Structures are given as structure tokens and as C-alpha cells.
């Protein structure tokens, strides 16, 4: 299952890069870095959330959502806002 999730994430990132090139948009290095850290943290959260539920540890699963899932969503939203504000100024 994780093999297919990796393929899906790779395809989405590749499609996103192609879309950026098609629209002639450019992201700065720190926007890429923050977005990559947010995406890696989100995948880490999903893996640990599912693993904790398989081991019948629902409290640990929900703590993973809170402790690592929320910061991953904040990082992804920050990346989106940085890019949107910079592109709207141009």
C-alpha cells in the first residue's frame, strides 16, 4: 500500500512542477523547503496514525494527529500563503 502512496505522491509533485512551468510561475527555495517538510511530516503522520490504529492504540493515533498532523498542515498552509502573496504582488 505504501508503494502506491509513494507513486501517487511522486505523480502529484511531478504534475505540480509541470503546472508551475506551464503557468511560468517560480517558487523560492524556502517555499520549496517548507512545503517539502510539511509534506514529509504529513505522510509521517498518516503512517503513524494508521499504524497506531492497527495496534489498537487509538489514543496514540489521535495524539499523532495533534502533535505532528497539525504542524504539517500549518507548514503547508504557510507555503501556500507565501507563494500566493508573492505572486499577487507581481
PDB file of N, CA and C in Angstrom:
ATOM      1  N   UNK A   1       0.818  -1.185   0.000  1.00  0.00           N
ATOM      2  CA  UNK A   1       0.000   0.000   0.000  1.00  0.00           C
ATOM      3  C   UNK A   1       0.870   1.261   0.000  1.00  0.00           C
ATOM      4  N   UNK A   2       1.949   1.274   0.779  1.00  0.00           N
ATOM      5  CA  UNK A   2       2.791   2.465   0.849  1.00  0.00           C
ATOM      6  C   UNK A   2       3.551   2.692  -0.444  1.00  0.00           C
ATOM      7  N   UNK A   3       3.798   1.622  -1.190  1.00  0.00           N
ATOM      8  CA  UNK A   3       4.424   1.770  -2.503  1.00  0.00           C
ATOM      9  C   UNK A   3       3.528   2.602  -3.418  1.00  0.00           C
ATOM     10  N   UNK A   4       2.231   2.315  -3.404  1.00  0.00           N
ATOM     11  CA  UNK A   4       1.298   3.053  -4.257  1.00  0.00           C
ATOM     12  C   UNK A   4       1.093   4.487  -3.765  1.00  0.00           C
ATOM     13  N   UNK A   5       1.158   4.682  -2.461  1.00  0.00           N
ATOM     14  CA  UNK A   5       1.076   6.045  -1.935  1.00  0.00           C
ATOM     15  C   UNK A   5       2.293   6.845  -2.375  1.00  0.00           C
ATOM     16  N   UNK A   6       3.473   6.222  -2.374  1.00  0.00           N
ATOM     17  CA  UNK A   6       4.680   6.889  -2.857  1.00  0.00           C
ATOM     18  C   UNK A   6       4.592   7.247  -4.321  1.00  0.00           C
ATOM     19  N   UNK A   7       4.051   6.326  -5.131  1.00  0.00           N
ATOM     20  CA  UNK A   7       3.861   6.611  -6.557  1.00  0.00           C
ATOM     21  C   UNK A   7       2.875   7.762  -6.738  1.00  0.00           C
ATOM     22  N   UNK A   8       1.796   7.764  -5.966  1.00  0.00           N
ATOM     23  CA  UNK A   8       0.797   8.828  -6.061  1.00  0.00           C
ATOM     24  C   UNK A   8       1.387  10.184  -5.676  1.00  0.00           C
ATOM     25  N   UNK A   9       2.150  10.229  -4.595  1.00  0.00           N
ATOM     26  CA  UNK A   9       2.773  11.485  -4.177  1.00  0.00           C
ATOM     27  C   UNK A   9       3.774  11.962  -5.224  1.00  0.00           C
ATOM     28  N   UNK A  10       4.566  11.041  -5.765  1.00  0.00           N
ATOM     29  CA  UNK A  10       5.512  11.411  -6.821  1.00  0.00           C
ATOM     30  C   UNK A  10       4.811  11.964  -8.048  1.00  0.00           C
ATOM     31  N   UNK A  11       3.701  11.341  -8.440  1.00  0.00           N
ATOM     32  CA  UNK A  11       2.947  11.826  -9.593  1.00  0.00           C
ATOM     33  C   UNK A  11       2.343  13.205  -9.326  1.00  0.00           C
ATOM     34  N   UNK A  12       1.855  13.418  -8.113  1.00  0.00           N
ATOM     35  CA  UNK A  12       1.287  14.726  -7.772  1.00  0.00           C
ATOM     36  C   UNK A  12       2.346  15.821  -7.765  1.00  0.00           C
ATOM     37  N   UNK A  13       3.522  15.523  -7.221  1.00  0.00           N
ATOM     38  CA  UNK A  13       4.604  16.511  -7.215  1.00  0.00           C
ATOM     39  C   UNK A  13       5.063  16.816  -8.633  1.00  0.00           C
ATOM     40  N   UNK A  14       5.197  15.783  -9.442  1.00  0.00           N
ATOM     41  CA  UNK A  14       5.590  15.988 -10.835  1.00  0.00           C
ATOM     42  C   UNK A  14       4.548  16.812 -11.591  1.00  0.00           C
ATOM     43  N   UNK A  15       3.273  16.508 -11.387  1.00  0.00           N
ATOM     44  CA  UNK A  15       2.213  17.291 -12.016  1.00  0.00           C
ATOM     45  C   UNK A  15       2.208  18.736 -11.555  1.00  0.00           C
ATOM     46  N   UNK A  16       2.504  18.940 -10.273  1.00  0.00           N
ATOM     47  CA  UNK A  16       2.575  20.300  -9.735  1.00  0.00           C
ATOM     48  C   UNK A  16       3.719  21.078 -10.366  1.00  0.00           C
ATOM     49  N   UNK A  17       4.864  20.428 -10.527  1.00  0.00           N
ATOM     50  CA  UNK A  17       6.021  21.091 -11.153  1.00  0.00           C
ATOM     51  C   UNK A  17       5.720  21.420 -12.609  1.00  0.00           C
ATOM     52  N   UNK A  18       5.114  20.489 -13.317  1.00  0.00           N
ATOM     53  CA  UNK A  18       4.741  20.765 -14.712  1.00  0.00           C
ATOM     54  C   UNK A  18       3.744  21.912 -14.800  1.00  0.00           C
ATOM     55  N   UNK A  19       2.794  21.962 -13.873  1.00  0.00           N
ATOM     56  CA  UNK A  19       1.802  23.034 -13.874  1.00  0.00           C
ATOM     57  C   UNK A  19       2.483  24.378 -13.620  1.00  0.00           C
ATOM     58  N   UNK A  20       3.443  24.409 -12.682  1.00  0.00           N
ATOM     59  CA  UNK A  20       4.170  25.650 -12.418  1.00  0.00           C
ATOM     60  C   UNK A  20       4.930  26.120 -13.651  1.00  0.00           C
ATOM     61  N   UNK A  21       5.561  25.193 -14.356  1.00  0.00           N
ATOM     62  CA  UNK A  21       6.308  25.573 -15.560  1.00  0.00           C
ATOM     63  C   UNK A  21       5.360  26.031 -16.667  1.00  0.00           C
ATOM     64  N   UNK A  22       4.206  25.379 -16.786  1.00  0.00           N
ATOM     65  CA  UNK A  22       3.229  25.762 -17.805  1.00  0.00           C
ATOM     66  C   UNK A  22       2.689  27.169 -17.549  1.00  0.00           C
ATOM     67  N   UNK A  23       2.461  27.502 -16.281  1.00  0.00           N
ATOM     68  CA  UNK A  23       1.957  28.832 -15.926  1.00  0.00           C
ATOM     69  C   UNK A  23       3.078  29.859 -15.779  1.00  0.00           C
ATOM     70  N   UNK A  24       4.331  29.414 -15.941  1.00  0.00           N
ATOM     71  CA  UNK A  24       5.511  30.266 -15.825  1.00  0.00           C
ATOM     72  C   UNK A  24       5.609  30.912 -14.435  1.00  0.00           C
ATOM     73  N   UNK A  25       5.355  30.104 -13.417  1.00  0.00           N
ATOM     74  CA  UNK A  25       5.454  30.547 -12.031  1.00  0.00           C
ATOM     75  C   UNK A  25       6.713  29.963 -11.416  1.00  0.00           C
ATOM     76  N   UNK A  26       7.307  30.696 -10.487  1.00  0.00           N
ATOM     77  CA  UNK A  26       8.534  30.241  -9.843  1.00  0.00           C
ATOM     78  C   UNK A  26       8.383  30.386  -8.332  1.00  0.00           C
ATOM     79  N   UNK A  27       8.777  29.356  -7.599  1.00  0.00           N
ATOM     80  CA  UNK A  27       8.771  29.396  -6.145  1.00  0.00           C
ATOM     81  C   UNK A  27      10.196  29.592  -5.648  1.00  0.00           C
ATOM     82  N   UNK A  28      10.340  30.260  -4.513  1.00  0.00           N
ATOM     83  CA  UNK A  28      11.664  30.456  -3.940  1.00  0.00           C
ATOM     84  C   UNK A  28      12.103  29.181  -3.235  1.00  0.00           C
ATOM     85  N   UNK A  29      13.384  29.124  -2.877  1.00  0.00           N
ATOM     86  CA  UNK A  29      13.924  27.909  -2.276  1.00  0.00           C
ATOM     87  C   UNK A  29      13.285  27.608  -0.931  1.00  0.00           C
ATOM     88  N   UNK A  30      12.978  28.638  -0.158  1.00  0.00           N
ATOM     89  CA  UNK A  30      12.405  28.385   1.159  1.00  0.00           C
ATOM     90  C   UNK A  30      10.939  27.946   1.062  1.00  0.00           C
ATOM     91  N   UNK A  31      10.240  28.348   0.016  1.00  0.00           N
ATOM     92  CA  UNK A  31       8.881  27.844  -0.185  1.00  0.00           C
ATOM     93  C   UNK A  31       8.910  26.351  -0.519  1.00  0.00           C
ATOM     94  N   UNK A  32       9.879  25.941  -1.340  1.00  0.00           N
ATOM     95  CA  UNK A  32      10.051  24.523  -1.633  1.00  0.00           C
ATOM     96  C   UNK A  32      10.408  23.749  -0.370  1.00  0.00           C
ATOM     97  N   UNK A  33      11.302  24.293   0.446  1.00  0.00           N
ATOM     98  CA  UNK A  33      11.760  23.613   1.658  1.00  0.00           C
ATOM     99  C   UNK A  33      10.624  23.452   2.668  1.00  0.00           C
ATOM    100  N   UNK A  34       9.896  24.520   2.914  1.00  0.00           N
ATOM    101  CA  UNK A  34       8.790  24.456   3.871  1.00  0.00           C
ATOM    102  C   UNK A  34       7.715  23.495   3.370  1.00  0.00           C
ATOM    103  N   UNK A  35       7.425  23.529   2.069  1.00  0.00           N
ATOM    104  CA  UNK A  35       6.440  22.618   1.505  1.00  0.00           C
ATOM    105  C   UNK A  35       6.871  21.164   1.585  1.00  0.00           C
ATOM    106  N   UNK A  36       8.147  20.896   1.326  1.00  0.00           N
ATOM    107  CA  UNK A  36       8.649  19.517   1.401  1.00  0.00           C
ATOM    108  C   UNK A  36       8.616  18.999   2.832  1.00  0.00           C
ATOM    109  N   UNK A  37       9.006  19.829   3.787  1.00  0.00           N
ATOM    110  CA  UNK A  37       8.959  19.415   5.200  1.00  0.00           C
ATOM    111  C   UNK A  37       7.509  19.154   5.623  1.00  0.00           C
ATOM    112  N   UNK A  38       6.599  20.010   5.195  1.00  0.00           N
ATOM    113  CA  UNK A  38       5.179  19.815   5.511  1.00  0.00           C
ATOM    114  C   UNK A  38       4.625  18.544   4.908  1.00  0.00           C
ATOM    115  N   UNK A  39       5.009  18.244   3.661  1.00  0.00           N
ATOM    116  CA  UNK A  39       4.526  17.028   3.003  1.00  0.00           C
ATOM    117  C   UNK A  39       5.101  15.774   3.658  1.00  0.00           C
ATOM    118  N   UNK A  40       6.384  15.794   3.978  1.00  0.00           N
ATOM    119  CA  UNK A  40       7.010  14.647   4.649  1.00  0.00           C
ATOM    120  C   UNK A  40       6.384  14.429   6.022  1.00  0.00           C
ATOM    121  N   UNK A  41       6.134  15.504   6.743  1.00  0.00           N
ATOM    122  CA  UNK A  41       5.511  15.385   8.055  1.00  0.00           C
ATOM    123  C   UNK A  41       4.080  14.865   7.948  1.00  0.00           C
ATOM    124  N   UNK A  42       3.370  15.254   6.910  1.00  0.00           N
ATOM    125  CA  UNK A  42       2.004  14.763   6.707  1.00  0.00           C
ATOM    126  C   UNK A  42       1.995  13.267   6.409  1.00  0.00           C
ATOM    127  N   UNK A  43       2.906  12.800   5.561  1.00  0.00           N
ATOM    128  CA  UNK A  43       2.988  11.369   5.261  1.00  0.00           C
ATOM    129  C   UNK A  43       3.401  10.594   6.511  1.00  0.00           C
ATOM    130  N   UNK A  44       4.337  11.133   7.286  1.00  0.00           N
ATOM    131  CA  UNK A  44       4.742  10.521   8.547  1.00  0.00           C
ATOM    132  C   UNK A  44       3.551  10.400   9.493  1.00  0.00           C
ATOM    133  N   UNK A  45       2.746  11.433   9.567  1.00  0.00           N
ATOM    134  CA  UNK A  45       1.567  11.426  10.428  1.00  0.00           C
ATOM    135  C   UNK A  45       0.576  10.362   9.990  1.00  0.00           C
ATOM    136  N   UNK A  46       0.302  10.286   8.696  1.00  0.00           N
ATOM    137  CA  UNK A  46      -0.651   9.290   8.206  1.00  0.00           C
ATOM    138  C   UNK A  46      -0.177   7.871   8.477  1.00  0.00           C
ATOM    139  N   UNK A  47       1.111   7.620   8.282  1.00  0.00           N
ATOM    140  CA  UNK A  47       1.651   6.284   8.516  1.00  0.00           C
ATOM    141  C   UNK A  47       1.535   5.903   9.985  1.00  0.00           C
ATOM    142  N   UNK A  48       1.895   6.807  10.872  1.00  0.00           N
ATOM    143  CA  UNK A  48       1.823   6.507  12.297  1.00  0.00           C
ATOM    144  C   UNK A  48       0.386   6.457  12.805  1.00  0.00           C
ATOM    145  N   UNK A  49      -0.481   7.258  12.235  1.00  0.00           N
ATOM    146  CA  UNK A  49      -1.900   7.213  12.604  1.00  0.00           C
ATOM    147  C   UNK A  49      -2.497   5.853  12.258  1.00  0.00           C
ATOM    148  N   UNK A  50      -2.241   5.395  11.050  1.00  0.00           N
ATOM    149  CA  UNK A  50      -2.777   4.096  10.636  1.00  0.00           C
ATOM    150  C   UNK A  50      -2.136   2.956  11.417  1.00  0.00           C
ATOM    151  N   UNK A  51      -0.836   3.037  11.665  1.00  0.00           N
ATOM    152  CA  UNK A  51      -0.147   2.004  12.430  1.00  0.00           C
ATOM    153  C   UNK A  51      -0.643   1.916  13.860  1.00  0.00           C
ATOM    154  N   UNK A  52      -0.916   3.047  14.472  1.00  0.00           N
ATOM    155  CA  UNK A  52      -1.421   3.044  15.845  1.00  0.00           C
ATOM    156  C   UNK A  52      -2.824   2.458  15.920  1.00  0.00           C
ATOM    157  N   UNK A  53      -3.652   2.730  14.924  1.00  0.00           N
ATOM    158  CA  UNK A  53      -4.987   2.142  14.918  1.00  0.00           C
ATOM    159  C   UNK A  53      -4.932   0.638  14.687  1.00  0.00           C
ATOM    160  N   UNK A  54      -3.991   0.172  13.856  1.00  0.00           N
ATOM    161  CA  UNK A  54      -3.856  -1.270  13.643  1.00  0.00           C
ATOM    162  C   UNK A  54      -3.417  -1.980  14.917  1.00  0.00           C
ATOM    163  N   UNK A  55      -2.691  -1.296  15.776  1.00  0.00           N
ATOM    164  CA  UNK A  55      -2.252  -1.876  17.038  1.00  0.00           C
ATOM    165  C   UNK A  55      -3.233  -1.579  18.174  1.00  0.00           C
ATOM    166  N   UNK A  56      -4.408  -1.092  17.843  1.00  0.00           N
ATOM    167  CA  UNK A  56      -5.485  -0.793  18.785  1.00  0.00           C
ATOM    168  C   UNK A  56      -5.014   0.178  19.879  1.00  0.00           C
ATOM    169  N   UNK A  57      -4.324   1.209  19.435  1.00  0.00           N
ATOM    170  CA  UNK A  57      -3.887   2.291  20.312  1.00  0.00           C
ATOM    171  C   UNK A  57      -4.495   3.596  19.804  1.00  0.00           C
ATOM    172  N   UNK A  58      -5.791   3.745  20.016  1.00  0.00           N
ATOM    173  CA  UNK A  58      -6.494   4.887  19.435  1.00  0.00           C
ATOM    174  C   UNK A  58      -6.046   6.219  20.051  1.00  0.00           C
ATOM    175  N   UNK A  59      -5.703   6.221  21.343  1.00  0.00           N
ATOM    176  CA  UNK A  59      -5.261   7.478  21.961  1.00  0.00           C
ATOM    177  C   UNK A  59      -3.944   7.939  21.337  1.00  0.00           C
ATOM    178  N   UNK A  60      -3.028   7.007  21.113  1.00  0.00           N
ATOM    179  CA  UNK A  60      -1.758   7.362  20.471  1.00  0.00           C
ATOM    180  C   UNK A  60      -1.993   7.847  19.043  1.00  0.00           C
ATOM    181  N   UNK A  61      -2.949   7.233  18.344  1.00  0.00           N
ATOM    182  CA  UNK A  61      -3.250   7.641  16.971  1.00  0.00           C
ATOM    183  C   UNK A  61      -3.741   9.088  16.943  1.00  0.00           C
ATOM    184  N   UNK A  62      -4.627   9.427  17.847  1.00  0.00           N
ATOM    185  CA  UNK A  62      -5.143  10.795  17.872  1.00  0.00           C
ATOM    186  C   UNK A  62      -4.090  11.798  18.336  1.00  0.00           C
ATOM    187  N   UNK A  63      -3.185  11.371  19.192  1.00  0.00           N
ATOM    188  CA  UNK A  63      -2.091  12.256  19.608  1.00  0.00           C
ATOM    189  C   UNK A  63      -1.151  12.538  18.431  1.00  0.00           C
ATOM    190  N   UNK A  64      -0.931  11.519  17.572  1.00  0.00           N
ATOM    191  CA  UNK A  64      -0.122  11.761  16.373  1.00  0.00           C
ATOM    192  C   UNK A  64      -0.782  12.796  15.485  1.00  0.00           C
ATOM    193  N   UNK A  65      -2.099  12.723  15.355  1.00  0.00           N
ATOM    194  CA  UNK A  65      -2.786  13.726  14.544  1.00  0.00           C
ATOM    195  C   UNK A  65      -2.579  15.123  15.116  1.00  0.00           C
ATOM    196  N   UNK A  66      -2.613  15.233  16.426  1.00  0.00           N
ATOM    197  CA  UNK A  66      -2.466  16.542  17.051  1.00  0.00           C
ATOM    198  C   UNK A  66      -1.026  17.040  17.020  1.00  0.00           C
ATOM    199  N   UNK A  67      -0.077  16.175  17.386  1.00  0.00           N
ATOM    200  CA  UNK A  67       1.305  16.599  17.574  1.00  0.00           C
ATOM    201  C   UNK A  67       2.055  16.764  16.245  1.00  0.00           C
ATOM    202  N   UNK A  68       1.828  15.899  15.285  1.00  0.00           N
ATOM    203  CA  UNK A  68       2.555  16.010  14.010  1.00  0.00           C
ATOM    204  C   UNK A  68       1.653  16.414  12.844  1.00  0.00           C
ATOM    205  N   UNK A  69       0.378  16.091  12.919  1.00  0.00           N
ATOM    206  CA  UNK A  69      -0.529  16.422  11.821  1.00  0.00           C
ATOM    207  C   UNK A  69      -0.851  17.890  11.724  1.00  0.00           C
ATOM    208  N   UNK A  70      -1.108  18.498  12.862  1.00  0.00           N
ATOM    209  CA  UNK A  70      -1.423  19.925  12.871  1.00  0.00           C
ATOM    210  C   UNK A  70      -0.255  20.788  12.387  1.00  0.00           C
ATOM    211  N   UNK A  71       0.981  20.546  12.869  1.00  0.00           N
ATOM    212  CA  UNK A  71       2.100  21.328  12.323  1.00  0.00           C
ATOM    213  C   UNK A  71       2.326  21.105  10.822  1.00  0.00           C
ATOM    214  N   UNK A  72       2.055  19.898  10.338  1.00  0.00           N
ATOM    215  CA  UNK A  72       2.229  19.667   8.896  1.00  0.00           C
ATOM    216  C   UNK A  72       1.225  20.494   8.093  1.00  0.00           C
ATOM    217  N   UNK A  73       0.007  20.564   8.566  1.00  0.00           N
ATOM    218  CA  UNK A  73      -0.988  21.379   7.866  1.00  0.00           C
ATOM    219  C   UNK A  73      -0.651  22.868   7.953  1.00  0.00           C
ATOM    220  N   UNK A  74      -0.107  23.289   9.080  1.00  0.00           N
ATOM    221  CA  UNK A  74       0.302  24.694   9.233  1.00  0.00           C
ATOM    222  C   UNK A  74       1.441  25.018   8.269  1.00  0.00           C
ATOM    223  N   UNK A  75       2.419  24.114   8.141  1.00  0.00           N
ATOM    224  CA  UNK A  75       3.527  24.344   7.212  1.00  0.00           C
ATOM    225  C   UNK A  75       3.045  24.394   5.766  1.00  0.00           C
ATOM    226  N   UNK A  76       2.133  23.502   5.401  1.00  0.00           N
ATOM    227  CA  UNK A  76       1.611  23.517   4.031  1.00  0.00           C
ATOM    228  C   UNK A  76       0.797  24.775   3.762  1.00  0.00           C
ATOM    229  N   UNK A  77       0.017  25.215   4.736  1.00  0.00           N
ATOM    230  CA  UNK A  77      -0.745  26.454   4.569  1.00  0.00           C
ATOM    231  C   UNK A  77       0.182  27.668   4.491  1.00  0.00           C
ATOM    232  N   UNK A  78       1.258  27.651   5.272  1.00  0.00           N
ATOM    233  CA  UNK A  78       2.237  28.736   5.224  1.00  0.00           C
ATOM    234  C   UNK A  78       2.895  28.822   3.851  1.00  0.00           C
ATOM    235  N   UNK A  79       3.242  27.673   3.300  1.00  0.00           N
ATOM    236  CA  UNK A  79       3.830  27.652   1.957  1.00  0.00           C
ATOM    237  C   UNK A  79       2.870  28.233   0.932  1.00  0.00           C
ATOM    238  N   UNK A  80       1.616  27.831   1.013  1.00  0.00           N
ATOM    239  CA  UNK A  80       0.609  28.315   0.074  1.00  0.00           C
ATOM    240  C   UNK A  80       0.442  29.826   0.209  1.00  0.00           C
ATOM    241  N   UNK A  81       0.384  30.333   1.445  1.00  0.00           N
ATOM    242  CA  UNK A  81       0.211  31.766   1.647  1.00  0.00           C
ATOM    243  C   UNK A  81       1.419  32.570   1.176  1.00  0.00           C
ATOM    244  N   UNK A  82       2.627  32.070   1.444  1.00  0.00           N
ATOM    245  CA  UNK A  82       3.827  32.771   0.974  1.00  0.00           C
ATOM    246  C   UNK A  82       3.831  32.883  -0.547  1.00  0.00           C
ATOM    247  N   UNK A  83       3.528  31.791  -1.221  1.00  0.00           N
ATOM    248  CA  UNK A  83       3.532  31.796  -2.676  1.00  0.00           C
ATOM    249  C   UNK A  83       2.409  32.678  -3.224  1.00  0.00           C
ATOM    250  N   UNK A  84       1.243  32.587  -2.637  1.00  0.00           N
ATOM    251  CA  UNK A  84       0.090  33.365  -3.115  1.00  0.00           C
ATOM    252  C   UNK A  84       0.323  34.856  -2.941  1.00  0.00           C
ATOM    253  N   UNK A  85       0.884  35.257  -1.820  1.00  0.00           N
ATOM    254  CA  UNK A  85       1.115  36.690  -1.585  1.00  0.00           C
ATOM    255  C   UNK A  85       2.214  37.230  -2.493  1.00  0.00           C
ATOM    256  N   UNK A  86       3.269  36.430  -2.693  1.00  0.00           N
ATOM    257  CA  UNK A  86       4.344  36.895  -3.567  1.00  0.00           C
ATOM    258  C   UNK A  86       3.869  36.984  -5.008  1.00  0.00           C
ATOM    259  N   UNK A  87       3.070  36.039  -5.457  1.00  0.00           N
ATOM    260  CA  UNK A  87       2.599  36.045  -6.837  1.00  0.00           C
ATOM    261  C   UNK A  87       1.537  37.116  -7.073  1.00  0.00           C
ATOM    262  N   UNK A  88       0.774  37.468  -6.047  1.00  0.00           N
ATOM    263  CA  UNK A  88      -0.235  38.510  -6.234  1.00  0.00           C
ATOM    264  C   UNK A  88       0.400  39.901  -6.325  1.00  0.00           C
ATOM    265  N   UNK A  89       1.594  40.069  -5.751  1.00  0.00           N
ATOM    266  CA  UNK A  89       2.304  41.352  -5.845  1.00  0.00           C
ATOM    267  C   UNK A  89       2.878  41.555  -7.230  1.00  0.00           C
ATOM    268  N   UNK A  90       3.178  40.469  -7.926  1.00  0.00           N
ATOM    269  CA  UNK A  90       3.843  40.577  -9.237  1.00  0.00           C
ATOM    270  C   UNK A  90       2.889  40.967 -10.334  1.00  0.00           C
TER     271      UNK A  90
END
